Amino acid sequence: MRRLFFIIAGLGVLLASPSPAFAKVNVFACSPEWAALSEEIGGDLVEVKSATNARQDVHHIRAKPSLLAAMRKADLVFCTGASLEIGWLPILIKKSGGPNVQPETIGWLMASDYVQKLEVMSNVDRSMGHIHPEGNPHIHLDPHNIATVADVLAERLMLLDEANAATYQQNLKSFQDRWAGLIAQWEADAASLKGRKIVVYHNAWAYLVEWLGLEVTATLEPKPGIPPTASHLETVLKQVQGKDVQAILVSPYEDEDAAEWLSDKSNIPVVHMPFTVGGNDKAGSLSALFDETLRLLKQGS
C-alpha cells in the first residue's frame, strides 16, 4: 500500500509539472516552402516534417503511413489551403489529427487564408478542369505573401509555446528585416523581366507572373489538371508563333514531353524552374528559391 501511495504521488507531480524546456513544437508542413518558413521562424524550437518534396505534385499525394504517424505528433498543421491539399489532408486529419490541429483551431494554419488570392471564381463545375474556386492556391511565388504568412506563423508559434514567445518574435524580426531587403533587391534585379512572354504547363505561376509583370501567352494544359492533347499543342504552337515568347516554364513534377515538343517546333527554350524549396540543387532555402527563379528567368536556360 505504501509503495502504491508513492507511485500515485509521483504520477501527480509529473502531471502537474510543465512541459520540459527541451520539448519542441512539432510542425506538419504540407509542402517544402512552408517547412522552410517554419524553420526560419521556429529555429531550434521546432521539429518540422514536410509531407511532400519538390518533385511531388501537392495536388496528388497518398495518405501513407509515415504521414499518418507524423500527423499524430503534430502541434501545428501548416499548409496552403484553398483546396490544394483537398485530396489527402482531410484523410490525414480524420485518421490521425488530434483535437488541437483540427480546422478553426490554433494548430491549423492555412497560408492562403491570409493573403489576397488571385483567380477567385464562382459557378465552378467539373467541366472546367481542376479549378480552385477559392482562388489560385500557389501563393508562395510572391515573396510579399511569404512575409505576410511569416507574421501569422510567428503568432501561432507564440500561442503554442508561450514560454519561448520572445525567441519567436526575435526570429520573426530578423527574418522580416532580411526579407524586406531581399525583396527590394529582387525587384530591382527583375525590372528587365516586366512584359516578358512565357508559356506555362499549369497555371501554378500566377503569383510570380503578377509580381514580376510577366505575360502568359499560352498554357500547355487545355484545362487545369488535364494533360495536353496533340490537338491542343497544335493550337498552342499557333498561339506562340511570332509572339517573341522567351521561355516555356516547367516545374520539377511536371511531365516535360509537351514542353519539349513545343520547344522543338518553336525554338523557345524549356526552362526547368525549381518552383519550391529543393526544386534544384541551388534552391535549398526560401531566399535561394527566389534567387534561382530570377536567375533562370533572366538567363532563359
C-alpha atoms as a PDB file:
ATOM      1  CA  MET A   1       0.000   0.000   0.000  1.00  0.00           C
ATOM      2  CA  ARG A   2       2.826   2.430   0.885  1.00  0.00           C
ATOM      3  CA  ARG A   3       4.518   1.681  -2.446  1.00  0.00           C
ATOM      4  CA  LEU A   4       1.252   2.328  -4.285  1.00  0.00           C
ATOM      5  CA  PHE A   5       0.932   5.688  -2.485  1.00  0.00           C
ATOM      6  CA  PHE A   6       4.342   6.863  -3.688  1.00  0.00           C
ATOM      7  CA  ILE A   7       3.640   5.714  -7.250  1.00  0.00           C
ATOM      8  CA  ILE A   8       0.388   7.721  -7.313  1.00  0.00           C
ATOM      9  CA  ALA A   9       2.071  10.732  -5.694  1.00  0.00           C
ATOM     10  CA  GLY A  10       4.889  10.602  -8.226  1.00  0.00           C
ATOM     11  CA  LEU A  11       2.451  10.496 -11.133  1.00  0.00           C
ATOM     12  CA  GLY A  12       0.682  13.517  -9.684  1.00  0.00           C
ATOM     13  CA  VAL A  13       3.910  15.520  -9.652  1.00  0.00           C
ATOM     14  CA  LEU A  14       4.657  14.580 -13.259  1.00  0.00           C
ATOM     15  CA  LEU A  15       1.178  15.520 -14.443  1.00  0.00           C
ATOM     16  CA  ALA A  16       1.301  18.827 -12.600  1.00  0.00           C
ATOM     17  CA  SER A  17       4.732  19.777 -13.926  1.00  0.00           C
ATOM     18  CA  PRO A  18       5.054  21.970 -17.035  1.00  0.00           C
ATOM     19  CA  SER A  19       6.315  20.508 -20.273  1.00  0.00           C
ATOM     20  CA  PRO A  20      10.092  20.065 -20.370  1.00  0.00           C
ATOM     21  CA  ALA A  21      12.022  23.053 -21.675  1.00  0.00           C
ATOM     22  CA  PHE A  22      13.573  20.910 -24.394  1.00  0.00           C
ATOM     23  CA  ALA A  23      10.206  19.872 -25.917  1.00  0.00           C
ATOM     24  CA  LYS A  24       9.822  21.165 -29.463  1.00  0.00           C
ATOM     25  CA  VAL A  25       6.754  22.267 -31.368  1.00  0.00           C
ATOM     26  CA  ASN A  26       6.010  19.625 -33.996  1.00  0.00           C
ATOM     27  CA  VAL A  27       5.079  21.268 -37.301  1.00  0.00           C
ATOM     28  CA  PHE A  28       3.437  19.210 -40.032  1.00  0.00           C
ATOM     29  CA  ALA A  29       4.052  21.232 -43.213  1.00  0.00           C
ATOM     30  CA  CYS A  30       2.271  20.178 -46.399  1.00  0.00           C
ATOM     31  CA  SER A  31       4.962  21.468 -48.756  1.00  0.00           C
ATOM     32  CA  PRO A  32       8.649  22.435 -48.729  1.00  0.00           C
ATOM     33  CA  GLU A  33       8.121  26.212 -48.749  1.00  0.00           C
ATOM     34  CA  TRP A  34       6.117  26.091 -45.518  1.00  0.00           C
ATOM     35  CA  ALA A  35       8.579  23.682 -43.943  1.00  0.00           C
ATOM     36  CA  ALA A  36      11.379  26.128 -44.765  1.00  0.00           C
ATOM     37  CA  LEU A  37       9.457  29.089 -43.367  1.00  0.00           C
ATOM     38  CA  SER A  38       8.743  27.129 -40.176  1.00  0.00           C
ATOM     39  CA  GLU A  39      12.458  26.543 -39.721  1.00  0.00           C
ATOM     40  CA  GLU A  40      13.200  30.223 -40.338  1.00  0.00           C
ATOM     41  CA  ILE A  41      10.762  31.407 -37.665  1.00  0.00           C
ATOM     42  CA  GLY A  42      10.949  28.464 -35.288  1.00  0.00           C
ATOM     43  CA  GLY A  43      14.664  27.763 -35.414  1.00  0.00           C
ATOM     44  CA  ASP A  44      15.776  25.154 -32.890  1.00  0.00           C
ATOM     45  CA  LEU A  45      12.421  25.311 -31.113  1.00  0.00           C
ATOM     46  CA  VAL A  46      10.535  23.407 -33.812  1.00  0.00           C
ATOM     47  CA  GLU A  47      10.643  19.947 -35.328  1.00  0.00           C
ATOM     48  CA  VAL A  48       9.404  20.139 -38.912  1.00  0.00           C
ATOM     49  CA  LYS A  49       8.050  17.383 -41.141  1.00  0.00           C
ATOM     50  CA  SER A  50       7.385  18.227 -44.790  1.00  0.00           C
ATOM     51  CA  ALA A  51       4.706  15.965 -46.233  1.00  0.00           C
ATOM     52  CA  THR A  52       5.995  16.467 -49.779  1.00  0.00           C
ATOM     53  CA  ASN A  53       9.136  17.299 -51.687  1.00  0.00           C
ATOM     54  CA  ALA A  54       9.716  19.488 -54.720  1.00  0.00           C
ATOM     55  CA  ARG A  55       9.315  16.607 -57.161  1.00  0.00           C
ATOM     56  CA  GLN A  56       5.817  15.800 -55.953  1.00  0.00           C
ATOM     57  CA  ASP A  57       2.614  17.487 -57.078  1.00  0.00           C
ATOM     58  CA  VAL A  58       0.922  18.590 -53.845  1.00  0.00           C
ATOM     59  CA  HIS A  59      -2.467  18.094 -55.501  1.00  0.00           C
ATOM     60  CA  HIS A  60      -1.886  14.343 -55.687  1.00  0.00           C
ATOM     61  CA  ILE A  61      -0.373  12.789 -52.571  1.00  0.00           C
ATOM     62  CA  ARG A  62      -1.215   9.457 -50.933  1.00  0.00           C
ATOM     63  CA  ALA A  63      -2.005   9.471 -47.215  1.00  0.00           C
ATOM     64  CA  LYS A  64       0.712   6.901 -46.495  1.00  0.00           C
ATOM     65  CA  PRO A  65       1.545   5.508 -43.024  1.00  0.00           C
ATOM     66  CA  SER A  66       4.560   7.758 -42.479  1.00  0.00           C
ATOM     67  CA  LEU A  67       2.349  10.833 -42.914  1.00  0.00           C
ATOM     68  CA  LEU A  68      -0.263   9.411 -40.564  1.00  0.00           C
ATOM     69  CA  ALA A  69       2.476   8.930 -37.961  1.00  0.00           C
ATOM     70  CA  ALA A  70       3.728  12.490 -38.434  1.00  0.00           C
ATOM     71  CA  MET A  71       0.207  13.867 -38.153  1.00  0.00           C
ATOM     72  CA  ARG A  72      -0.296  12.095 -34.819  1.00  0.00           C
ATOM     73  CA  LYS A  73       2.602  14.101 -33.362  1.00  0.00           C
ATOM     74  CA  ALA A  74       1.632  17.441 -34.896  1.00  0.00           C
ATOM     75  CA  ASP A  75       1.128  20.529 -32.754  1.00  0.00           C
ATOM     76  CA  LEU A  76       0.686  22.708 -35.854  1.00  0.00           C
ATOM     77  CA  VAL A  77      -0.600  21.747 -39.308  1.00  0.00           C
ATOM     78  CA  PHE A  78       0.779  24.334 -41.733  1.00  0.00           C
ATOM     79  CA  CYS A  79      -0.441  24.045 -45.315  1.00  0.00           C
ATOM     80  CA  THR A  80      -1.519  26.176 -48.274  1.00  0.00           C
ATOM     81  CA  GLY A  81      -5.269  25.614 -48.204  1.00  0.00           C
ATOM     82  CA  ALA A  82      -7.606  26.844 -50.955  1.00  0.00           C
ATOM     83  CA  SER A  83      -8.291  23.151 -51.658  1.00  0.00           C
ATOM     84  CA  LEU A  84      -4.718  22.471 -52.784  1.00  0.00           C
ATOM     85  CA  GLU A  85      -4.417  19.523 -50.390  1.00  0.00           C
ATOM     86  CA  ILE A  86      -8.091  18.535 -50.528  1.00  0.00           C
ATOM     87  CA  GLY A  87      -7.355  15.070 -51.920  1.00  0.00           C
ATOM     88  CA  TRP A  88      -5.342  13.878 -48.916  1.00  0.00           C
ATOM     89  CA  LEU A  89      -5.128  16.303 -45.969  1.00  0.00           C
ATOM     90  CA  PRO A  90      -8.719  15.699 -44.745  1.00  0.00           C
ATOM     91  CA  ILE A  91      -7.983  11.956 -44.658  1.00  0.00           C
ATOM     92  CA  LEU A  92      -4.904  12.501 -42.501  1.00  0.00           C
ATOM     93  CA  ILE A  93      -6.764  14.823 -40.158  1.00  0.00           C
ATOM     94  CA  LYS A  94      -9.678  12.419 -39.805  1.00  0.00           C
ATOM     95  CA  LYS A  95      -7.482   9.392 -39.139  1.00  0.00           C
ATOM     96  CA  SER A  96      -4.628  10.855 -37.111  1.00  0.00           C
ATOM     97  CA  GLY A  97      -5.169  14.511 -36.261  1.00  0.00           C
ATOM     98  CA  GLY A  98      -5.601  15.382 -32.605  1.00  0.00           C
ATOM     99  CA  PRO A  99      -8.205  17.842 -31.300  1.00  0.00           C
ATOM    100  CA  ASN A 100      -5.712  20.721 -31.292  1.00  0.00           C
ATOM    101  CA  VAL A 101      -4.955  20.569 -35.035  1.00  0.00           C
ATOM    102  CA  GLN A 102      -8.488  20.484 -36.387  1.00  0.00           C
ATOM    103  CA  PRO A 103      -9.820  23.261 -38.652  1.00  0.00           C
ATOM    104  CA  GLU A 104     -10.521  26.526 -36.813  1.00  0.00           C
ATOM    105  CA  THR A 105      -8.088  25.702 -34.002  1.00  0.00           C
ATOM    106  CA  ILE A 106      -4.766  27.366 -33.139  1.00  0.00           C
ATOM    107  CA  GLY A 107      -2.963  24.334 -34.529  1.00  0.00           C
ATOM    108  CA  TRP A 108      -4.500  24.713 -38.000  1.00  0.00           C
ATOM    109  CA  LEU A 109      -2.817  27.249 -40.298  1.00  0.00           C
ATOM    110  CA  MET A 110      -3.742  27.568 -43.976  1.00  0.00           C
ATOM    111  CA  ALA A 111      -1.433  30.151 -45.527  1.00  0.00           C
ATOM    112  CA  SER A 112      -3.772  31.174 -48.342  1.00  0.00           C
ATOM    113  CA  ASP A 113      -6.370  32.388 -45.829  1.00  0.00           C
ATOM    114  CA  TYR A 114      -4.164  35.387 -45.048  1.00  0.00           C
ATOM    115  CA  VAL A 115      -3.254  36.765 -48.478  1.00  0.00           C
ATOM    116  CA  GLN A 116      -5.114  38.313 -51.393  1.00  0.00           C
ATOM    117  CA  LYS A 117      -5.779  35.383 -53.708  1.00  0.00           C
ATOM    118  CA  LEU A 118      -5.871  35.582 -57.484  1.00  0.00           C
ATOM    119  CA  GLU A 119      -8.444  33.935 -59.749  1.00  0.00           C
ATOM    120  CA  VAL A 120     -11.241  33.589 -57.206  1.00  0.00           C
ATOM    121  CA  MET A 121     -14.159  32.054 -59.085  1.00  0.00           C
ATOM    122  CA  SER A 122     -17.856  31.280 -58.711  1.00  0.00           C
ATOM    123  CA  ASN A 123     -20.180  28.905 -60.544  1.00  0.00           C
ATOM    124  CA  VAL A 124     -17.438  26.305 -60.955  1.00  0.00           C
ATOM    125  CA  ASP A 125     -18.183  22.859 -62.369  1.00  0.00           C
ATOM    126  CA  ARG A 126     -16.121  19.800 -63.293  1.00  0.00           C
ATOM    127  CA  SER A 127     -16.161  20.603 -66.997  1.00  0.00           C
ATOM    128  CA  MET A 128     -13.724  23.432 -66.261  1.00  0.00           C
ATOM    129  CA  GLY A 129     -10.999  21.038 -65.079  1.00  0.00           C
ATOM    130  CA  HIS A 130      -9.208  21.088 -61.731  1.00  0.00           C
ATOM    131  CA  ILE A 131     -10.338  24.542 -60.633  1.00  0.00           C
ATOM    132  CA  HIS A 132      -9.901  26.024 -57.157  1.00  0.00           C
ATOM    133  CA  PRO A 133     -12.965  28.234 -56.601  1.00  0.00           C
ATOM    134  CA  GLU A 134     -11.363  29.836 -53.504  1.00  0.00           C
ATOM    135  CA  GLY A 135      -8.622  31.200 -55.746  1.00  0.00           C
ATOM    136  CA  ASN A 136      -5.276  30.114 -57.142  1.00  0.00           C
ATOM    137  CA  PRO A 137      -3.515  28.362 -54.235  1.00  0.00           C
ATOM    138  CA  HIS A 138       0.112  28.731 -55.353  1.00  0.00           C
ATOM    139  CA  ILE A 139       0.675  31.857 -53.278  1.00  0.00           C
ATOM    140  CA  HIS A 140       4.288  31.205 -52.285  1.00  0.00           C
ATOM    141  CA  LEU A 141       5.847  32.517 -55.502  1.00  0.00           C
ATOM    142  CA  ASP A 142       5.224  36.112 -54.471  1.00  0.00           C
ATOM    143  CA  PRO A 143       7.704  36.943 -51.680  1.00  0.00           C
ATOM    144  CA  HIS A 144       5.323  39.552 -50.256  1.00  0.00           C
ATOM    145  CA  ASN A 145       2.962  36.682 -49.454  1.00  0.00           C
ATOM    146  CA  ILE A 146       5.769  34.870 -47.658  1.00  0.00           C
ATOM    147  CA  ALA A 147       6.271  37.931 -45.445  1.00  0.00           C
ATOM    148  CA  THR A 148       2.559  38.093 -44.617  1.00  0.00           C
ATOM    149  CA  VAL A 149       2.368  34.411 -43.738  1.00  0.00           C
ATOM    150  CA  ALA A 150       5.528  34.660 -41.616  1.00  0.00           C
ATOM    151  CA  ASP A 151       3.722  37.099 -39.303  1.00  0.00           C
ATOM    152  CA  VAL A 152       0.817  34.697 -38.854  1.00  0.00           C
ATOM    153  CA  LEU A 153       3.123  31.730 -38.305  1.00  0.00           C
ATOM    154  CA  ALA A 154       5.035  33.559 -35.582  1.00  0.00           C
ATOM    155  CA  GLU A 155       1.779  34.415 -33.816  1.00  0.00           C
ATOM    156  CA  ARG A 156       0.712  30.765 -33.847  1.00  0.00           C
ATOM    157  CA  LEU A 157       4.059  29.542 -32.530  1.00  0.00           C
ATOM    158  CA  MET A 158       3.919  32.105 -29.712  1.00  0.00           C
ATOM    159  CA  LEU A 159       0.460  30.872 -28.750  1.00  0.00           C
ATOM    160  CA  LEU A 160       1.515  27.245 -28.849  1.00  0.00           C
ATOM    161  CA  ASP A 161       4.775  27.811 -26.984  1.00  0.00           C
ATOM    162  CA  GLU A 162       4.307  30.869 -24.790  1.00  0.00           C
ATOM    163  CA  ALA A 163       7.488  30.236 -22.825  1.00  0.00           C
ATOM    164  CA  ASN A 164       9.554  30.928 -25.947  1.00  0.00           C
ATOM    165  CA  ALA A 165       7.454  33.772 -27.358  1.00  0.00           C
ATOM    166  CA  ALA A 166      10.331  36.258 -27.169  1.00  0.00           C
ATOM    167  CA  THR A 167      12.546  33.995 -29.275  1.00  0.00           C
ATOM    168  CA  TYR A 168       9.899  33.584 -31.960  1.00  0.00           C
ATOM    169  CA  GLN A 169       9.387  37.346 -32.002  1.00  0.00           C
ATOM    170  CA  GLN A 170      13.116  37.941 -32.427  1.00  0.00           C
ATOM    171  CA  ASN A 171      13.357  35.302 -35.160  1.00  0.00           C
ATOM    172  CA  LEU A 172      10.461  36.965 -36.962  1.00  0.00           C
ATOM    173  CA  LYS A 173      12.050  40.405 -36.765  1.00  0.00           C
ATOM    174  CA  SER A 174      15.374  39.095 -38.070  1.00  0.00           C
ATOM    175  CA  PHE A 175      13.621  37.302 -40.912  1.00  0.00           C
ATOM    176  CA  GLN A 176      11.422  40.252 -41.891  1.00  0.00           C
ATOM    177  CA  ASP A 177      14.308  42.721 -41.845  1.00  0.00           C
ATOM    178  CA  ARG A 178      16.374  40.457 -44.083  1.00  0.00           C
ATOM    179  CA  TRP A 179      13.395  39.550 -46.285  1.00  0.00           C
ATOM    180  CA  ALA A 180      12.447  43.193 -46.942  1.00  0.00           C
ATOM    181  CA  GLY A 181      15.981  43.865 -48.161  1.00  0.00           C
ATOM    182  CA  LEU A 182      15.913  40.808 -50.394  1.00  0.00           C
ATOM    183  CA  ILE A 183      12.574  41.790 -51.932  1.00  0.00           C
ATOM    184  CA  ALA A 184      13.932  45.218 -52.787  1.00  0.00           C
ATOM    185  CA  GLN A 185      16.990  43.608 -54.373  1.00  0.00           C
ATOM    186  CA  TRP A 186      14.955  41.046 -56.310  1.00  0.00           C
ATOM    187  CA  GLU A 187      12.562  43.647 -57.649  1.00  0.00           C
ATOM    188  CA  ALA A 188      15.437  45.839 -58.824  1.00  0.00           C
ATOM    189  CA  ASP A 189      17.154  42.889 -60.481  1.00  0.00           C
ATOM    190  CA  ALA A 190      13.918  41.713 -62.133  1.00  0.00           C
ATOM    191  CA  ALA A 191      12.892  45.048 -63.673  1.00  0.00           C
ATOM    192  CA  SER A 192      14.002  43.851 -67.109  1.00  0.00           C
ATOM    193  CA  LEU A 193      11.608  40.897 -66.918  1.00  0.00           C
ATOM    194  CA  LYS A 194       8.470  43.030 -66.992  1.00  0.00           C
ATOM    195  CA  GLY A 195       6.407  42.203 -70.069  1.00  0.00           C
ATOM    196  CA  ARG A 196       8.404  39.090 -70.890  1.00  0.00           C
ATOM    197  CA  LYS A 197       6.205  36.476 -72.575  1.00  0.00           C
ATOM    198  CA  ILE A 198       6.191  32.897 -71.327  1.00  0.00           C
ATOM    199  CA  VAL A 199       4.364  29.606 -71.781  1.00  0.00           C
ATOM    200  CA  VAL A 200       3.468  27.549 -68.704  1.00  0.00           C
ATOM    201  CA  TYR A 201       2.408  23.949 -68.272  1.00  0.00           C
ATOM    202  CA  HIS A 202      -0.078  24.533 -65.433  1.00  0.00           C
ATOM    203  CA  ASN A 203      -1.243  27.865 -64.074  1.00  0.00           C
ATOM    204  CA  ALA A 204       0.857  27.448 -60.946  1.00  0.00           C
ATOM    205  CA  TRP A 205       2.865  30.586 -61.726  1.00  0.00           C
ATOM    206  CA  ALA A 206       0.096  33.175 -61.367  1.00  0.00           C
ATOM    207  CA  TYR A 207       1.607  34.937 -58.343  1.00  0.00           C
ATOM    208  CA  LEU A 208       5.083  35.033 -59.863  1.00  0.00           C
ATOM    209  CA  VAL A 209       3.585  36.405 -63.086  1.00  0.00           C
ATOM    210  CA  GLU A 210       1.652  39.068 -61.165  1.00  0.00           C
ATOM    211  CA  TRP A 211       4.658  40.032 -59.026  1.00  0.00           C
ATOM    212  CA  LEU A 212       7.126  40.381 -61.911  1.00  0.00           C
ATOM    213  CA  GLY A 213       4.743  41.639 -64.596  1.00  0.00           C
ATOM    214  CA  LEU A 214       5.266  38.659 -66.891  1.00  0.00           C
ATOM    215  CA  GLU A 215       2.780  37.715 -69.622  1.00  0.00           C
ATOM    216  CA  VAL A 216       1.458  34.182 -70.116  1.00  0.00           C
ATOM    217  CA  THR A 217       0.961  33.654 -73.852  1.00  0.00           C
ATOM    218  CA  ALA A 218      -0.309  30.078 -73.608  1.00  0.00           C
ATOM    219  CA  THR A 219      -0.809  27.150 -71.237  1.00  0.00           C
ATOM    220  CA  LEU A 220       0.140  23.603 -72.208  1.00  0.00           C
ATOM    221  CA  GLU A 221      -2.786  22.114 -70.322  1.00  0.00           C
ATOM    222  CA  PRO A 222      -6.052  22.578 -72.223  1.00  0.00           C
ATOM    223  CA  LYS A 223      -7.790  22.878 -68.828  1.00  0.00           C
ATOM    224  CA  PRO A 224      -6.278  22.871 -65.336  1.00  0.00           C
ATOM    225  CA  GLY A 225      -5.228  19.367 -64.386  1.00  0.00           C
ATOM    226  CA  ILE A 226      -5.952  17.926 -67.862  1.00  0.00           C
ATOM    227  CA  PRO A 227      -2.856  16.595 -69.704  1.00  0.00           C
ATOM    228  CA  PRO A 228      -2.027  18.208 -73.057  1.00  0.00           C
ATOM    229  CA  THR A 229      -3.526  16.645 -76.161  1.00  0.00           C
ATOM    230  CA  ALA A 230      -1.983  16.668 -79.627  1.00  0.00           C
ATOM    231  CA  SER A 231      -4.666  18.982 -80.964  1.00  0.00           C
ATOM    232  CA  HIS A 232      -4.242  21.415 -78.081  1.00  0.00           C
ATOM    233  CA  LEU A 233      -0.475  21.511 -78.575  1.00  0.00           C
ATOM    234  CA  GLU A 234      -1.008  22.397 -82.230  1.00  0.00           C
ATOM    235  CA  THR A 235      -3.218  25.266 -81.051  1.00  0.00           C
ATOM    236  CA  VAL A 236      -0.537  26.400 -78.601  1.00  0.00           C
ATOM    237  CA  LEU A 237       2.052  26.333 -81.380  1.00  0.00           C
ATOM    238  CA  LYS A 238      -0.088  28.726 -83.406  1.00  0.00           C
ATOM    239  CA  GLN A 239      -0.556  30.947 -80.348  1.00  0.00           C
ATOM    240  CA  VAL A 240       3.181  31.414 -79.803  1.00  0.00           C
ATOM    241  CA  GLN A 241       4.250  31.927 -83.407  1.00  0.00           C
ATOM    242  CA  GLY A 242       5.549  35.428 -83.962  1.00  0.00           C
ATOM    243  CA  LYS A 243       4.940  36.430 -80.326  1.00  0.00           C
ATOM    244  CA  ASP A 244       8.580  36.626 -79.111  1.00  0.00           C
ATOM    245  CA  VAL A 245       7.943  34.141 -76.318  1.00  0.00           C
ATOM    246  CA  GLN A 246      11.078  33.796 -74.206  1.00  0.00           C
ATOM    247  CA  ALA A 247      10.582  30.593 -72.220  1.00  0.00           C
ATOM    248  CA  ILE A 248       8.443  27.538 -71.511  1.00  0.00           C
ATOM    249  CA  LEU A 249       8.339  27.086 -67.730  1.00  0.00           C
ATOM    250  CA  VAL A 250       8.242  23.576 -66.289  1.00  0.00           C
ATOM    251  CA  SER A 251       8.279  22.592 -62.616  1.00  0.00           C
ATOM    252  CA  PRO A 252      10.142  19.512 -61.299  1.00  0.00           C
ATOM    253  CA  TYR A 253       6.992  17.379 -61.016  1.00  0.00           C
ATOM    254  CA  GLU A 254       5.509  18.153 -64.442  1.00  0.00           C
ATOM    255  CA  ASP A 255       5.827  15.924 -67.493  1.00  0.00           C
ATOM    256  CA  GLU A 256       8.147  17.809 -69.805  1.00  0.00           C
ATOM    257  CA  ASP A 257       7.324  15.916 -73.007  1.00  0.00           C
ATOM    258  CA  ALA A 258       4.782  18.512 -74.152  1.00  0.00           C
ATOM    259  CA  ALA A 259       7.186  21.347 -73.378  1.00  0.00           C
ATOM    260  CA  GLU A 260       9.975  19.659 -75.327  1.00  0.00           C
ATOM    261  CA  TRP A 261       7.647  19.110 -78.292  1.00  0.00           C
ATOM    262  CA  LEU A 262       6.706  22.776 -78.352  1.00  0.00           C
ATOM    263  CA  SER A 263      10.331  23.799 -77.937  1.00  0.00           C
ATOM    264  CA  ASP A 264      11.375  21.636 -80.905  1.00  0.00           C
ATOM    265  CA  LYS A 265       8.669  23.187 -83.065  1.00  0.00           C
ATOM    266  CA  SER A 266       9.118  26.799 -81.981  1.00  0.00           C
ATOM    267  CA  ASN A 267      12.745  27.125 -80.791  1.00  0.00           C
ATOM    268  CA  ILE A 268      11.516  28.506 -77.478  1.00  0.00           C
ATOM    269  CA  PRO A 269      13.751  27.188 -74.677  1.00  0.00           C
ATOM    270  CA  VAL A 270      12.349  24.984 -71.913  1.00  0.00           C
ATOM    271  CA  VAL A 271      13.300  26.426 -68.527  1.00  0.00           C
ATOM    272  CA  HIS A 272      13.294  23.947 -65.670  1.00  0.00           C
ATOM    273  CA  MET A 273      12.217  26.018 -62.689  1.00  0.00           C
ATOM    274  CA  PRO A 274      12.614  24.937 -59.045  1.00  0.00           C
ATOM    275  CA  PHE A 275       9.050  26.027 -58.140  1.00  0.00           C
ATOM    276  CA  THR A 276       9.653  25.391 -54.442  1.00  0.00           C
ATOM    277  CA  VAL A 277      12.481  24.883 -51.969  1.00  0.00           C
ATOM    278  CA  GLY A 278      14.600  21.945 -53.076  1.00  0.00           C
ATOM    279  CA  GLY A 279      13.425  22.140 -56.679  1.00  0.00           C
ATOM    280  CA  ASN A 280      17.024  22.090 -57.855  1.00  0.00           C
ATOM    281  CA  ASP A 281      20.448  21.898 -56.238  1.00  0.00           C
ATOM    282  CA  LYS A 282      20.690  25.683 -55.828  1.00  0.00           C
ATOM    283  CA  ALA A 283      17.221  26.319 -54.385  1.00  0.00           C
ATOM    284  CA  GLY A 284      17.893  24.961 -50.923  1.00  0.00           C
ATOM    285  CA  SER A 285      16.233  27.751 -48.930  1.00  0.00           C
ATOM    286  CA  LEU A 286      13.454  30.292 -49.343  1.00  0.00           C
ATOM    287  CA  SER A 287      15.823  33.067 -50.364  1.00  0.00           C
ATOM    288  CA  ALA A 288      17.721  30.734 -52.696  1.00  0.00           C
ATOM    289  CA  LEU A 289      14.411  29.735 -54.303  1.00  0.00           C
ATOM    290  CA  PHE A 290      13.815  33.317 -55.415  1.00  0.00           C
ATOM    291  CA  ASP A 291      17.468  33.885 -56.330  1.00  0.00           C
ATOM    292  CA  GLU A 292      17.363  30.834 -58.568  1.00  0.00           C
ATOM    293  CA  THR A 293      13.937  31.646 -60.019  1.00  0.00           C
ATOM    294  CA  LEU A 294      15.083  35.076 -61.146  1.00  0.00           C
ATOM    295  CA  ARG A 295      18.409  33.778 -62.434  1.00  0.00           C
ATOM    296  CA  LEU A 296      16.697  31.197 -64.620  1.00  0.00           C
ATOM    297  CA  LEU A 297      14.109  33.651 -65.922  1.00  0.00           C
ATOM    298  CA  LYS A 298      16.781  36.168 -66.867  1.00  0.00           C
ATOM    299  CA  GLN A 299      19.040  33.592 -68.495  1.00  0.00           C
ATOM    300  CA  GLY A 300      16.226  31.624 -70.100  1.00  0.00           C
ATOM    301  CA  SER A 301      18.031  28.346 -69.549  1.00  0.00           C
END
